[in-house]
Amino acid sequence: MTKDEIIVKIAKEAKLSKKAAGTAFGAFIGAITAALKKNDRVPIVGFGTFAVRKVKARTGRNPKTGKTIQISARKRPVFKAGKSLKDAVN
């Protein structure tokens, strides 16, 4: 499902215009992104939790040349599905 398909679905379900649904969806994504930038968790009851995890620096290998490279530490966004979502899928 693409972003446009999600917006159309939101517009239809909430009886909104596509423009209003697109704005609402953009605000939702923006709010989650802003919270993750501040290292906050974003739990959505019945759906799941968005969070940030720290990944340690490590040594990797360039697959093209075979040369070893150092991969720096970084933060990675993660999503953990909630029980309701897992049950709905299975």
PDB file of N, CA and C in Angstrom:
ATOM      1  N   MET A   1       0.843  -1.165   0.000  1.00  0.00           N
ATOM      2  CA  MET A   1       0.000   0.000   0.000  1.00  0.00           C
ATOM      3  C   MET A   1       0.896   1.239   0.000  1.00  0.00           C
ATOM      4  N   THR A   2       0.648   2.140  -0.922  1.00  0.00           N
ATOM      5  CA  THR A   2       1.457   3.351  -1.033  1.00  0.00           C
ATOM      6  C   THR A   2       0.894   4.467  -0.159  1.00  0.00           C
ATOM      7  N   LYS A   3       1.668   5.538  -0.038  1.00  0.00           N
ATOM      8  CA  LYS A   3       1.232   6.697   0.740  1.00  0.00           C
ATOM      9  C   LYS A   3      -0.073   7.266   0.165  1.00  0.00           C
ATOM     10  N   ASP A   4      -0.155   7.373  -1.149  1.00  0.00           N
ATOM     11  CA  ASP A   4      -1.366   7.901  -1.781  1.00  0.00           C
ATOM     12  C   ASP A   4      -2.576   7.005  -1.508  1.00  0.00           C
ATOM     13  N   GLU A   5      -2.379   5.710  -1.537  1.00  0.00           N
ATOM     14  CA  GLU A   5      -3.479   4.784  -1.244  1.00  0.00           C
ATOM     15  C   GLU A   5      -3.949   4.931   0.205  1.00  0.00           C
ATOM     16  N   ILE A   6      -3.011   5.149   1.121  1.00  0.00           N
ATOM     17  CA  ILE A   6      -3.366   5.364   2.529  1.00  0.00           C
ATOM     18  C   ILE A   6      -4.178   6.650   2.662  1.00  0.00           C
ATOM     19  N   ILE A   7      -3.758   7.711   1.995  1.00  0.00           N
ATOM     20  CA  ILE A   7      -4.466   8.986   2.060  1.00  0.00           C
ATOM     21  C   ILE A   7      -5.881   8.851   1.504  1.00  0.00           C
ATOM     22  N   VAL A   8      -6.035   8.147   0.401  1.00  0.00           N
ATOM     23  CA  VAL A   8      -7.367   7.930  -0.173  1.00  0.00           C
ATOM     24  C   VAL A   8      -8.240   7.148   0.806  1.00  0.00           C
ATOM     25  N   LYS A   9      -7.667   6.129   1.448  1.00  0.00           N
ATOM     26  CA  LYS A   9      -8.403   5.321   2.424  1.00  0.00           C
ATOM     27  C   LYS A   9      -8.830   6.167   3.624  1.00  0.00           C
ATOM     28  N   ILE A  10      -7.932   7.011   4.129  1.00  0.00           N
ATOM     29  CA  ILE A  10      -8.257   7.900   5.249  1.00  0.00           C
ATOM     30  C   ILE A  10      -9.378   8.861   4.844  1.00  0.00           C
ATOM     31  N   ALA A  11      -9.263   9.444   3.666  1.00  0.00           N
ATOM     32  CA  ALA A  11     -10.274  10.391   3.185  1.00  0.00           C
ATOM     33  C   ALA A  11     -11.650   9.727   3.096  1.00  0.00           C
ATOM     34  N   LYS A  12     -11.679   8.508   2.598  1.00  0.00           N
ATOM     35  CA  LYS A  12     -12.943   7.797   2.440  1.00  0.00           C
ATOM     36  C   LYS A  12     -13.535   7.412   3.795  1.00  0.00           C
ATOM     37  N   GLU A  13     -12.713   6.850   4.691  1.00  0.00           N
ATOM     38  CA  GLU A  13     -13.189   6.397   6.005  1.00  0.00           C
ATOM     39  C   GLU A  13     -13.625   7.569   6.891  1.00  0.00           C
ATOM     40  N   ALA A  14     -12.874   8.664   6.864  1.00  0.00           N
ATOM     41  CA  ALA A  14     -13.162   9.808   7.739  1.00  0.00           C
ATOM     42  C   ALA A  14     -14.058  10.844   7.060  1.00  0.00           C
ATOM     43  N   LYS A  15     -14.443  10.586   5.811  1.00  0.00           N
ATOM     44  CA  LYS A  15     -15.273  11.509   5.032  1.00  0.00           C
ATOM     45  C   LYS A  15     -14.640  12.899   4.972  1.00  0.00           C
ATOM     46  N   LEU A  16     -13.360  12.906   4.577  1.00  0.00           N
ATOM     47  CA  LEU A  16     -12.589  14.130   4.404  1.00  0.00           C
ATOM     48  C   LEU A  16     -12.199  14.281   2.950  1.00  0.00           C
ATOM     49  N   SER A  17     -11.748  15.480   2.580  1.00  0.00           N
ATOM     50  CA  SER A  17     -11.190  15.647   1.237  1.00  0.00           C
ATOM     51  C   SER A  17      -9.813  14.995   1.222  1.00  0.00           C
ATOM     52  N   LYS A  18      -9.331  14.690   0.016  1.00  0.00           N
ATOM     53  CA  LYS A  18      -7.990  14.099  -0.094  1.00  0.00           C
ATOM     54  C   LYS A  18      -6.931  15.057   0.438  1.00  0.00           C
ATOM     55  N   LYS A  19      -7.133  16.353   0.237  1.00  0.00           N
ATOM     56  CA  LYS A  19      -6.174  17.344   0.707  1.00  0.00           C
ATOM     57  C   LYS A  19      -6.121  17.345   2.234  1.00  0.00           C
ATOM     58  N   ALA A  20      -7.284  17.324   2.876  1.00  0.00           N
ATOM     59  CA  ALA A  20      -7.332  17.322   4.339  1.00  0.00           C
ATOM     60  C   ALA A  20      -6.749  16.028   4.891  1.00  0.00           C
ATOM     61  N   ALA A  21      -7.042  14.914   4.254  1.00  0.00           N
ATOM     62  CA  ALA A  21      -6.498  13.624   4.692  1.00  0.00           C
ATOM     63  C   ALA A  21      -4.983  13.605   4.529  1.00  0.00           C
ATOM     64  N   GLY A  22      -4.486  14.172   3.437  1.00  0.00           N
ATOM     65  CA  GLY A  22      -3.044  14.250   3.206  1.00  0.00           C
ATOM     66  C   GLY A  22      -2.359  15.110   4.248  1.00  0.00           C
ATOM     67  N   THR A  23      -2.993  16.216   4.613  1.00  0.00           N
ATOM     68  CA  THR A  23      -2.452  17.097   5.648  1.00  0.00           C
ATOM     69  C   THR A  23      -2.419  16.382   6.993  1.00  0.00           C
ATOM     70  N   ALA A  24      -3.502  15.675   7.323  1.00  0.00           N
ATOM     71  CA  ALA A  24      -3.572  14.939   8.586  1.00  0.00           C
ATOM     72  C   ALA A  24      -2.511  13.843   8.632  1.00  0.00           C
ATOM     73  N   PHE A  25      -2.362  13.110   7.539  1.00  0.00           N
ATOM     74  CA  PHE A  25      -1.366  12.040   7.483  1.00  0.00           C
ATOM     75  C   PHE A  25       0.047  12.609   7.610  1.00  0.00           C
ATOM     76  N   GLY A  26       0.294  13.726   6.934  1.00  0.00           N
ATOM     77  CA  GLY A  26       1.603  14.379   7.021  1.00  0.00           C
ATOM     78  C   GLY A  26       1.900  14.856   8.437  1.00  0.00           C
ATOM     79  N   ALA A  27       0.875  15.381   9.117  1.00  0.00           N
ATOM     80  CA  ALA A  27       1.050  15.827  10.501  1.00  0.00           C
ATOM     81  C   ALA A  27       1.342  14.645  11.415  1.00  0.00           C
ATOM     82  N   PHE A  28       0.687  13.519  11.179  1.00  0.00           N
ATOM     83  CA  PHE A  28       0.913  12.295  11.958  1.00  0.00           C
ATOM     84  C   PHE A  28       2.364  11.825  11.806  1.00  0.00           C
ATOM     85  N   ILE A  29       2.827  11.735  10.581  1.00  0.00           N
ATOM     86  CA  ILE A  29       4.207  11.308  10.304  1.00  0.00           C
ATOM     87  C   ILE A  29       5.196  12.321  10.893  1.00  0.00           C
ATOM     88  N   GLY A  30       4.899  13.604  10.754  1.00  0.00           N
ATOM     89  CA  GLY A  30       5.769  14.637  11.290  1.00  0.00           C
ATOM     90  C   GLY A  30       5.878  14.575  12.810  1.00  0.00           C
ATOM     91  N   ALA A  31       4.745  14.300  13.480  1.00  0.00           N
ATOM     92  CA  ALA A  31       4.754  14.211  14.939  1.00  0.00           C
ATOM     93  C   ALA A  31       5.591  13.025  15.412  1.00  0.00           C
ATOM     94  N   ILE A  32       5.468  11.894  14.743  1.00  0.00           N
ATOM     95  CA  ILE A  32       6.260  10.711  15.103  1.00  0.00           C
ATOM     96  C   ILE A  32       7.740  10.977  14.850  1.00  0.00           C
ATOM     97  N   THR A  33       8.063  11.577  13.720  1.00  0.00           N
ATOM     98  CA  THR A  33       9.455  11.883  13.390  1.00  0.00           C
ATOM     99  C   THR A  33      10.072  12.838  14.407  1.00  0.00           C
ATOM    100  N   ALA A  34       9.330  13.878  14.787  1.00  0.00           N
ATOM    101  CA  ALA A  34       9.833  14.845  15.764  1.00  0.00           C
ATOM    102  C   ALA A  34      10.083  14.177  17.118  1.00  0.00           C
ATOM    103  N   ALA A  35       9.187  13.298  17.533  1.00  0.00           N
ATOM    104  CA  ALA A  35       9.363  12.595  18.810  1.00  0.00           C
ATOM    105  C   ALA A  35      10.591  11.686  18.762  1.00  0.00           C
ATOM    106  N   LEU A  36      10.782  10.975  17.653  1.00  0.00           N
ATOM    107  CA  LEU A  36      11.933  10.082  17.529  1.00  0.00           C
ATOM    108  C   LEU A  36      13.247  10.865  17.491  1.00  0.00           C
ATOM    109  N   LYS A  37      13.232  12.055  16.904  1.00  0.00           N
ATOM    110  CA  LYS A  37      14.436  12.890  16.893  1.00  0.00           C
ATOM    111  C   LYS A  37      14.856  13.253  18.306  1.00  0.00           C
ATOM    112  N   LYS A  38      13.876  13.368  19.214  1.00  0.00           N
ATOM    113  CA  LYS A  38      14.159  13.688  20.615  1.00  0.00           C
ATOM    114  C   LYS A  38      14.370  12.425  21.453  1.00  0.00           C
ATOM    115  N   ASN A  39      14.516  11.279  20.800  1.00  0.00           N
ATOM    116  CA  ASN A  39      14.707   9.976  21.452  1.00  0.00           C
ATOM    117  C   ASN A  39      13.511   9.548  22.307  1.00  0.00           C
ATOM    118  N   ASP A  40      12.328  10.044  21.998  1.00  0.00           N
ATOM    119  CA  ASP A  40      11.117   9.641  22.713  1.00  0.00           C
ATOM    120  C   ASP A  40      10.540   8.373  22.096  1.00  0.00           C
ATOM    121  N   ARG A  41       9.845   7.589  22.926  1.00  0.00           N
ATOM    122  CA  ARG A  41       9.082   6.446  22.429  1.00  0.00           C
ATOM    123  C   ARG A  41       7.704   6.952  22.039  1.00  0.00           C
ATOM    124  N   VAL A  42       7.089   6.340  21.023  1.00  0.00           N
ATOM    125  CA  VAL A  42       5.746   6.713  20.592  1.00  0.00           C
ATOM    126  C   VAL A  42       4.880   5.452  20.607  1.00  0.00           C
ATOM    127  N   PRO A  43       4.244   5.164  21.767  1.00  0.00           N
ATOM    128  CA  PRO A  43       3.366   3.996  21.818  1.00  0.00           C
ATOM    129  C   PRO A  43       1.973   4.346  21.303  1.00  0.00           C
ATOM    130  N   ILE A  44       1.436   3.524  20.421  1.00  0.00           N
ATOM    131  CA  ILE A  44       0.076   3.683  19.922  1.00  0.00           C
ATOM    132  C   ILE A  44      -0.665   2.417  20.333  1.00  0.00           C
ATOM    133  N   VAL A  45      -1.516   2.554  21.348  1.00  0.00           N
ATOM    134  CA  VAL A  45      -2.213   1.403  21.925  1.00  0.00           C
ATOM    135  C   VAL A  45      -3.024   0.687  20.841  1.00  0.00           C
ATOM    136  N   GLY A  46      -2.865  -0.623  20.769  1.00  0.00           N
ATOM    137  CA  GLY A  46      -3.566  -1.425  19.779  1.00  0.00           C
ATOM    138  C   GLY A  46      -2.848  -1.517  18.444  1.00  0.00           C
ATOM    139  N   PHE A  47      -1.756  -0.796  18.280  1.00  0.00           N
ATOM    140  CA  PHE A  47      -1.019  -0.827  17.018  1.00  0.00           C
ATOM    141  C   PHE A  47       0.425  -1.234  17.229  1.00  0.00           C
ATOM    142  N   GLY A  48       1.176  -0.457  18.009  1.00  0.00           N
ATOM    143  CA  GLY A  48       2.582  -0.772  18.254  1.00  0.00           C
ATOM    144  C   GLY A  48       3.324   0.413  18.806  1.00  0.00           C
ATOM    145  N   THR A  49       4.640   0.283  18.886  1.00  0.00           N
ATOM    146  CA  THR A  49       5.479   1.321  19.465  1.00  0.00           C
ATOM    147  C   THR A  49       6.633   1.655  18.531  1.00  0.00           C
ATOM    148  N   PHE A  50       6.798   2.958  18.279  1.00  0.00           N
ATOM    149  CA  PHE A  50       7.949   3.457  17.550  1.00  0.00           C
ATOM    150  C   PHE A  50       8.989   3.877  18.579  1.00  0.00           C
ATOM    151  N   ALA A  51      10.256   3.578  18.343  1.00  0.00           N
ATOM    152  CA  ALA A  51      11.318   3.928  19.280  1.00  0.00           C
ATOM    153  C   ALA A  51      12.629   4.104  18.512  1.00  0.00           C
ATOM    154  N   VAL A  52      13.668   4.534  19.239  1.00  0.00           N
ATOM    155  CA  VAL A  52      15.001   4.697  18.664  1.00  0.00           C
ATOM    156  C   VAL A  52      15.955   3.796  19.435  1.00  0.00           C
ATOM    157  N   ARG A  53      16.774   3.058  18.713  1.00  0.00           N
ATOM    158  CA  ARG A  53      17.797   2.214  19.339  1.00  0.00           C
ATOM    159  C   ARG A  53      19.167   2.679  18.884  1.00  0.00           C
ATOM    160  N   LYS A  54      20.130   2.569  19.787  1.00  0.00           N
ATOM    161  CA  LYS A  54      21.515   2.904  19.450  1.00  0.00           C
ATOM    162  C   LYS A  54      22.198   1.653  18.920  1.00  0.00           C
ATOM    163  N   VAL A  55      22.911   1.812  17.816  1.00  0.00           N
ATOM    164  CA  VAL A  55      23.647   0.715  17.200  1.00  0.00           C
ATOM    165  C   VAL A  55      25.130   1.009  17.374  1.00  0.00           C
ATOM    166  N   LYS A  56      25.888   0.048  17.886  1.00  0.00           N
ATOM    167  CA  LYS A  56      27.327   0.234  18.138  1.00  0.00           C
ATOM    168  C   LYS A  56      28.106   0.319  16.829  1.00  0.00           C
ATOM    169  N   ALA A  57      29.258   0.941  16.905  1.00  0.00           N
ATOM    170  CA  ALA A  57      30.173   0.974  15.764  1.00  0.00           C
ATOM    171  C   ALA A  57      30.679  -0.446  15.503  1.00  0.00           C
ATOM    172  N   ARG A  58      30.941  -0.745  14.261  1.00  0.00           N
ATOM    173  CA  ARG A  58      31.401  -2.093  13.932  1.00  0.00           C
ATOM    174  C   ARG A  58      32.257  -2.058  12.669  1.00  0.00           C
ATOM    175  N   THR A  59      32.941  -3.160  12.437  1.00  0.00           N
ATOM    176  CA  THR A  59      33.751  -3.305  11.235  1.00  0.00           C
ATOM    177  C   THR A  59      32.929  -4.045  10.192  1.00  0.00           C
ATOM    178  N   GLY A  60      32.925  -3.509   8.973  1.00  0.00           N
ATOM    179  CA  GLY A  60      32.203  -4.134   7.874  1.00  0.00           C
ATOM    180  C   GLY A  60      33.141  -4.396   6.709  1.00  0.00           C
ATOM    181  N   ARG A  61      32.565  -4.877   5.633  1.00  0.00           N
ATOM    182  CA  ARG A  61      33.367  -5.189   4.455  1.00  0.00           C
ATOM    183  C   ARG A  61      32.648  -4.646   3.221  1.00  0.00           C
ATOM    184  N   ASN A  62      33.390  -3.932   2.387  1.00  0.00           N
ATOM    185  CA  ASN A  62      32.848  -3.447   1.129  1.00  0.00           C
ATOM    186  C   ASN A  62      32.680  -4.657   0.211  1.00  0.00           C
ATOM    187  N   PRO A  63      31.458  -4.990  -0.195  1.00  0.00           N
ATOM    188  CA  PRO A  63      31.259  -6.198  -1.005  1.00  0.00           C
ATOM    189  C   PRO A  63      31.892  -6.115  -2.398  1.00  0.00           C
ATOM    190  N   LYS A  64      32.084  -4.904  -2.890  1.00  0.00           N
ATOM    191  CA  LYS A  64      32.657  -4.756  -4.228  1.00  0.00           C
ATOM    192  C   LYS A  64      34.168  -4.973  -4.230  1.00  0.00           C
ATOM    193  N   THR A  65      34.852  -4.391  -3.229  1.00  0.00           N
ATOM    194  CA  THR A  65      36.313  -4.471  -3.214  1.00  0.00           C
ATOM    195  C   THR A  65      36.851  -5.473  -2.199  1.00  0.00           C
ATOM    196  N   GLY A  66      36.040  -5.844  -1.224  1.00  0.00           N
ATOM    197  CA  GLY A  66      36.499  -6.753  -0.180  1.00  0.00           C
ATOM    198  C   GLY A  66      37.279  -6.050   0.926  1.00  0.00           C
ATOM    199  N   LYS A  67      37.468  -4.743   0.804  1.00  0.00           N
ATOM    200  CA  LYS A  67      38.222  -3.969   1.781  1.00  0.00           C
ATOM    201  C   LYS A  67      37.385  -3.786   3.057  1.00  0.00           C
ATOM    202  N   THR A  68      38.035  -3.908   4.230  1.00  0.00           N
ATOM    203  CA  THR A  68      37.319  -3.699   5.484  1.00  0.00           C
ATOM    204  C   THR A  68      37.140  -2.204   5.726  1.00  0.00           C
ATOM    205  N   ILE A  69      35.976  -1.856   6.266  1.00  0.00           N
ATOM    206  CA  ILE A  69      35.671  -0.462   6.562  1.00  0.00           C
ATOM    207  C   ILE A  69      35.103  -0.365   7.979  1.00  0.00           C
ATOM    208  N   GLN A  70      35.217   0.811   8.557  1.00  0.00           N
ATOM    209  CA  GLN A  70      34.659   1.044   9.891  1.00  0.00           C
ATOM    210  C   GLN A  70      33.295   1.703   9.723  1.00  0.00           C
ATOM    211  N   ILE A  71      32.263   1.092  10.282  1.00  0.00           N
ATOM    212  CA  ILE A  71      30.909   1.636  10.244  1.00  0.00           C
ATOM    213  C   ILE A  71      30.666   2.326  11.580  1.00  0.00           C
ATOM    214  N   SER A  72      30.331   3.599  11.532  1.00  0.00           N
ATOM    215  CA  SER A  72      30.184   4.386  12.764  1.00  0.00           C
ATOM    216  C   SER A  72      28.900   4.037  13.524  1.00  0.00           C
ATOM    217  N   ALA A  73      28.897   4.382  14.813  1.00  0.00           N
ATOM    218  CA  ALA A  73      27.711   4.186  15.644  1.00  0.00           C
ATOM    219  C   ALA A  73      26.622   5.123  15.153  1.00  0.00           C
ATOM    220  N   ARG A  74      25.370   4.712  15.344  1.00  0.00           N
ATOM    221  CA  ARG A  74      24.256   5.535  14.894  1.00  0.00           C
ATOM    222  C   ARG A  74      22.998   5.170  15.648  1.00  0.00           C
ATOM    223  N   LYS A  75      21.962   5.949  15.443  1.00  0.00           N
ATOM    224  CA  LYS A  75      20.656   5.654  16.017  1.00  0.00           C
ATOM    225  C   LYS A  75      19.771   5.114  14.898  1.00  0.00           C
ATOM    226  N   ARG A  76      18.955   4.130  15.226  1.00  0.00           N
ATOM    227  CA  ARG A  76      18.099   3.493  14.232  1.00  0.00           C
ATOM    228  C   ARG A  76      16.650   3.519  14.710  1.00  0.00           C
ATOM    229  N   PRO A  77      15.712   3.990  13.876  1.00  0.00           N
ATOM    230  CA  PRO A  77      14.312   3.919  14.266  1.00  0.00           C
ATOM    231  C   PRO A  77      13.814   2.478  14.155  1.00  0.00           C
ATOM    232  N   VAL A  78      13.010   2.061  15.132  1.00  0.00           N
ATOM    233  CA  VAL A  78      12.460   0.703  15.119  1.00  0.00           C
ATOM    234  C   VAL A  78      10.962   0.762  15.417  1.00  0.00           C
ATOM    235  N   PHE A  79      10.258  -0.261  14.998  1.00  0.00           N
ATOM    236  CA  PHE A  79       8.833  -0.388  15.280  1.00  0.00           C
ATOM    237  C   PHE A  79       8.588  -1.782  15.822  1.00  0.00           C
ATOM    238  N   LYS A  80       7.881  -1.856  16.941  1.00  0.00           N
ATOM    239  CA  LYS A  80       7.511  -3.141  17.513  1.00  0.00           C
ATOM    240  C   LYS A  80       5.992  -3.234  17.474  1.00  0.00           C
ATOM    241  N   ALA A  81       5.488  -4.209  16.749  1.00  0.00           N
ATOM    242  CA  ALA A  81       4.047  -4.378  16.607  1.00  0.00           C
ATOM    243  C   ALA A  81       3.415  -4.781  17.940  1.00  0.00           C
ATOM    244  N   GLY A  82       2.233  -4.227  18.201  1.00  0.00           N
ATOM    245  CA  GLY A  82       1.500  -4.564  19.409  1.00  0.00           C
ATOM    246  C   GLY A  82       0.736  -5.868  19.237  1.00  0.00           C
ATOM    247  N   LYS A  83       0.209  -6.368  20.327  1.00  0.00           N
ATOM    248  CA  LYS A  83      -0.505  -7.647  20.315  1.00  0.00           C
ATOM    249  C   LYS A  83      -1.715  -7.612  19.394  1.00  0.00           C
ATOM    250  N   SER A  84      -2.483  -6.540  19.434  1.00  0.00           N
ATOM    251  CA  SER A  84      -3.679  -6.432  18.588  1.00  0.00           C
ATOM    252  C   SER A  84      -3.323  -6.507  17.101  1.00  0.00           C
ATOM    253  N   LEU A  85      -2.245  -5.834  16.711  1.00  0.00           N
ATOM    254  CA  LEU A  85      -1.806  -5.859  15.321  1.00  0.00           C
ATOM    255  C   LEU A  85      -1.331  -7.249  14.922  1.00  0.00           C
ATOM    256  N   LYS A  86      -0.565  -7.882  15.815  1.00  0.00           N
ATOM    257  CA  LYS A  86      -0.086  -9.241  15.532  1.00  0.00           C
ATOM    258  C   LYS A  86      -1.246 -10.208  15.379  1.00  0.00           C
ATOM    259  N   ASP A  87      -2.247 -10.089  16.259  1.00  0.00           N
ATOM    260  CA  ASP A  87      -3.416 -10.967  16.199  1.00  0.00           C
ATOM    261  C   ASP A  87      -4.219 -10.726  14.909  1.00  0.00           C
ATOM    262  N   ALA A  88      -4.336  -9.469  14.492  1.00  0.00           N
ATOM    263  CA  ALA A  88      -5.086  -9.145  13.291  1.00  0.00           C
ATOM    264  C   ALA A  88      -4.423  -9.728  12.031  1.00  0.00           C
ATOM    265  N   VAL A  89      -3.099  -9.773  12.039  1.00  0.00           N
ATOM    266  CA  VAL A  89      -2.363 -10.290  10.878  1.00  0.00           C
ATOM    267  C   VAL A  89      -2.433 -11.811  10.813  1.00  0.00           C
ATOM    268  N   ASN A  90      -2.419 -12.449  11.969  1.00  0.00           N
ATOM    269  CA  ASN A  90      -2.414 -13.917  12.002  1.00  0.00           C
ATOM    270  C   ASN A  90      -3.771 -14.501  12.066  1.00  0.00           C
TER     271      ASN A  90
END
